[in-house]
Structures are given as structure tokens and as C-alpha cells.
Amino acid sequence: MPTAPLPASLRARSDREAIVADIEPYLGTTVDERVEIMAAPCRAAAESIAAHPAGDRILAWQEPRSAQSEALSLDLVRRARPTG
């Protein structure tokens, strides 16, 4: 019994081939077109959250930062500030 070839998404490929396949639909698009491509899922997410009964709470929630992340952030701010 012959086996069917794997779909393209399941075939082995290099990282370069994977990246090219991911960006190929966007090659040749204008900045305005790319903005719209990115804005569409953002609008859908905003509409979904607005329709949710706990939408305000969802938007207000922030994941707690780890101590390591907080220390790194403070270190970067210290380095960015001019000394003098």
C-alpha cells in the first residue's frame, strides 16, 4: 500500500527554509499593508475581551515579574541614565 506524501508543513526543512516560508506571504507588501495585517488580530482580540464579562479584569491583569527580571530591568535603567 503506497503512502501519501507528507504535507509541506510536516516535511523536514532547514531553519532558513522555515523562515522564508513564514515571511513569503508578506514579501512585497507595503508598510500600510503590514500594519493592517498586524492590526486585524489585535482588533479581534480587543473585541473578544470587550465582549467578555470580566474584560476589565482581563486587561488589568499583569503577570508578576520574577526577582531576576526586576533586577535586570533596574540594572538596565541605571545603565541608561547619564552619570554626572
C-alpha atoms as a PDB file:
ATOM      1  CA  MET A   1       0.000   0.000   0.000  1.00  0.00           C
ATOM      2  CA  PRO A   2       1.630   3.275  -1.084  1.00  0.00           C
ATOM      3  CA  THR A   3       1.931   6.008   1.484  1.00  0.00           C
ATOM      4  CA  ALA A   4       0.797   9.531   0.753  1.00  0.00           C
ATOM      5  CA  PRO A   5       3.488  12.209   0.801  1.00  0.00           C
ATOM      6  CA  LEU A   6       3.632  14.363   3.899  1.00  0.00           C
ATOM      7  CA  PRO A   7       2.058  17.809   3.701  1.00  0.00           C
ATOM      8  CA  ALA A   8       4.616  20.593   3.257  1.00  0.00           C
ATOM      9  CA  SER A   9       4.140  21.733   6.858  1.00  0.00           C
ATOM     10  CA  LEU A  10       5.365  18.327   8.127  1.00  0.00           C
ATOM     11  CA  ARG A  11       8.333  17.836   5.793  1.00  0.00           C
ATOM     12  CA  ALA A  12      11.827  18.298   7.187  1.00  0.00           C
ATOM     13  CA  ARG A  13      13.275  21.694   6.355  1.00  0.00           C
ATOM     14  CA  SER A  14      16.133  23.886   7.457  1.00  0.00           C
ATOM     15  CA  ASP A  15      15.655  26.876   9.736  1.00  0.00           C
ATOM     16  CA  ARG A  16      16.297  29.128   6.753  1.00  0.00           C
ATOM     17  CA  GLU A  17      13.620  27.377   4.694  1.00  0.00           C
ATOM     18  CA  ALA A  18      11.173  27.647   7.594  1.00  0.00           C
ATOM     19  CA  ILE A  19      11.810  31.373   7.999  1.00  0.00           C
ATOM     20  CA  VAL A  20      11.479  32.034   4.262  1.00  0.00           C
ATOM     21  CA  ALA A  21       8.201  30.081   4.189  1.00  0.00           C
ATOM     22  CA  ASP A  22       6.905  32.110   7.147  1.00  0.00           C
ATOM     23  CA  ILE A  23       7.694  35.510   5.633  1.00  0.00           C
ATOM     24  CA  GLU A  24       6.964  34.689   1.991  1.00  0.00           C
ATOM     25  CA  PRO A  25       3.311  35.853   2.088  1.00  0.00           C
ATOM     26  CA  TYR A  26       4.465  39.277   3.300  1.00  0.00           C
ATOM     27  CA  LEU A  27       7.276  39.886   0.814  1.00  0.00           C
ATOM     28  CA  GLY A  28       6.426  42.801  -1.438  1.00  0.00           C
ATOM     29  CA  THR A  29       3.743  44.199   0.860  1.00  0.00           C
ATOM     30  CA  THR A  30       3.735  47.865   1.776  1.00  0.00           C
ATOM     31  CA  VAL A  31       4.145  49.160   5.303  1.00  0.00           C
ATOM     32  CA  ASP A  32       0.446  50.066   5.335  1.00  0.00           C
ATOM     33  CA  GLU A  33      -0.487  46.532   4.293  1.00  0.00           C
ATOM     34  CA  ARG A  34       1.705  45.048   7.034  1.00  0.00           C
ATOM     35  CA  VAL A  35       0.164  47.400   9.582  1.00  0.00           C
ATOM     36  CA  GLU A  36      -3.281  46.132   8.610  1.00  0.00           C
ATOM     37  CA  ILE A  37      -2.091  42.515   8.779  1.00  0.00           C
ATOM     38  CA  MET A  38      -0.945  43.111  12.371  1.00  0.00           C
ATOM     39  CA  ALA A  39      -3.939  45.255  13.340  1.00  0.00           C
ATOM     40  CA  ALA A  40      -6.590  42.712  12.328  1.00  0.00           C
ATOM     41  CA  PRO A  41      -5.838  40.123  15.056  1.00  0.00           C
ATOM     42  CA  CYS A  42      -5.384  42.935  17.588  1.00  0.00           C
ATOM     43  CA  ARG A  43      -8.872  44.234  16.768  1.00  0.00           C
ATOM     44  CA  ALA A  44     -10.303  40.720  17.046  1.00  0.00           C
ATOM     45  CA  ALA A  45      -8.667  40.266  20.461  1.00  0.00           C
ATOM     46  CA  ALA A  46      -9.946  43.650  21.671  1.00  0.00           C
ATOM     47  CA  GLU A  47     -13.479  42.806  20.534  1.00  0.00           C
ATOM     48  CA  SER A  48     -13.319  39.417  22.221  1.00  0.00           C
ATOM     49  CA  ILE A  49     -12.094  40.894  25.515  1.00  0.00           C
ATOM     50  CA  ALA A  50     -14.669  43.707  25.375  1.00  0.00           C
ATOM     51  CA  ALA A  51     -17.436  41.111  24.996  1.00  0.00           C
ATOM     52  CA  HIS A  52     -16.176  39.063  27.945  1.00  0.00           C
ATOM     53  CA  PRO A  53     -17.910  39.728  31.306  1.00  0.00           C
ATOM     54  CA  ALA A  54     -14.506  40.065  33.014  1.00  0.00           C
ATOM     55  CA  GLY A  55     -12.954  42.144  30.215  1.00  0.00           C
ATOM     56  CA  ASP A  56     -11.794  44.961  32.504  1.00  0.00           C
ATOM     57  CA  ARG A  57     -10.171  42.462  34.869  1.00  0.00           C
ATOM     58  CA  ILE A  58      -8.511  40.655  31.955  1.00  0.00           C
ATOM     59  CA  LEU A  59      -6.984  43.896  30.684  1.00  0.00           C
ATOM     60  CA  ALA A  60      -5.875  44.992  34.155  1.00  0.00           C
ATOM     61  CA  TRP A  61      -4.080  41.731  34.991  1.00  0.00           C
ATOM     62  CA  GLN A  62      -0.307  41.714  34.836  1.00  0.00           C
ATOM     63  CA  GLU A  63       1.832  38.653  35.309  1.00  0.00           C
ATOM     64  CA  PRO A  64       4.102  39.098  38.325  1.00  0.00           C
ATOM     65  CA  ARG A  65       7.731  39.702  37.433  1.00  0.00           C
ATOM     66  CA  SER A  66      10.432  37.439  38.754  1.00  0.00           C
ATOM     67  CA  ALA A  67      13.080  38.876  41.053  1.00  0.00           C
ATOM     68  CA  GLN A  68      15.647  38.232  38.300  1.00  0.00           C
ATOM     69  CA  SER A  69      13.574  40.164  35.749  1.00  0.00           C
ATOM     70  CA  GLU A  70      13.067  43.054  38.166  1.00  0.00           C
ATOM     71  CA  ALA A  71      16.813  43.213  38.925  1.00  0.00           C
ATOM     72  CA  LEU A  72      17.686  43.141  35.219  1.00  0.00           C
ATOM     73  CA  SER A  73      15.206  45.924  34.494  1.00  0.00           C
ATOM     74  CA  LEU A  74      16.599  48.125  37.260  1.00  0.00           C
ATOM     75  CA  ASP A  75      20.168  47.445  36.085  1.00  0.00           C
ATOM     76  CA  LEU A  76      19.267  48.462  32.520  1.00  0.00           C
ATOM     77  CA  VAL A  77      17.635  51.680  33.758  1.00  0.00           C
ATOM     78  CA  ARG A  78      20.715  52.503  35.851  1.00  0.00           C
ATOM     79  CA  ARG A  79      22.989  51.938  32.841  1.00  0.00           C
ATOM     80  CA  ALA A  80      20.820  54.075  30.571  1.00  0.00           C
ATOM     81  CA  ARG A  81      20.796  57.062  32.912  1.00  0.00           C
ATOM     82  CA  PRO A  82      23.556  59.550  32.326  1.00  0.00           C
ATOM     83  CA  THR A  83      26.153  59.721  35.060  1.00  0.00           C
ATOM     84  CA  GLY A  84      27.276  63.056  36.209  1.00  0.00           C
END
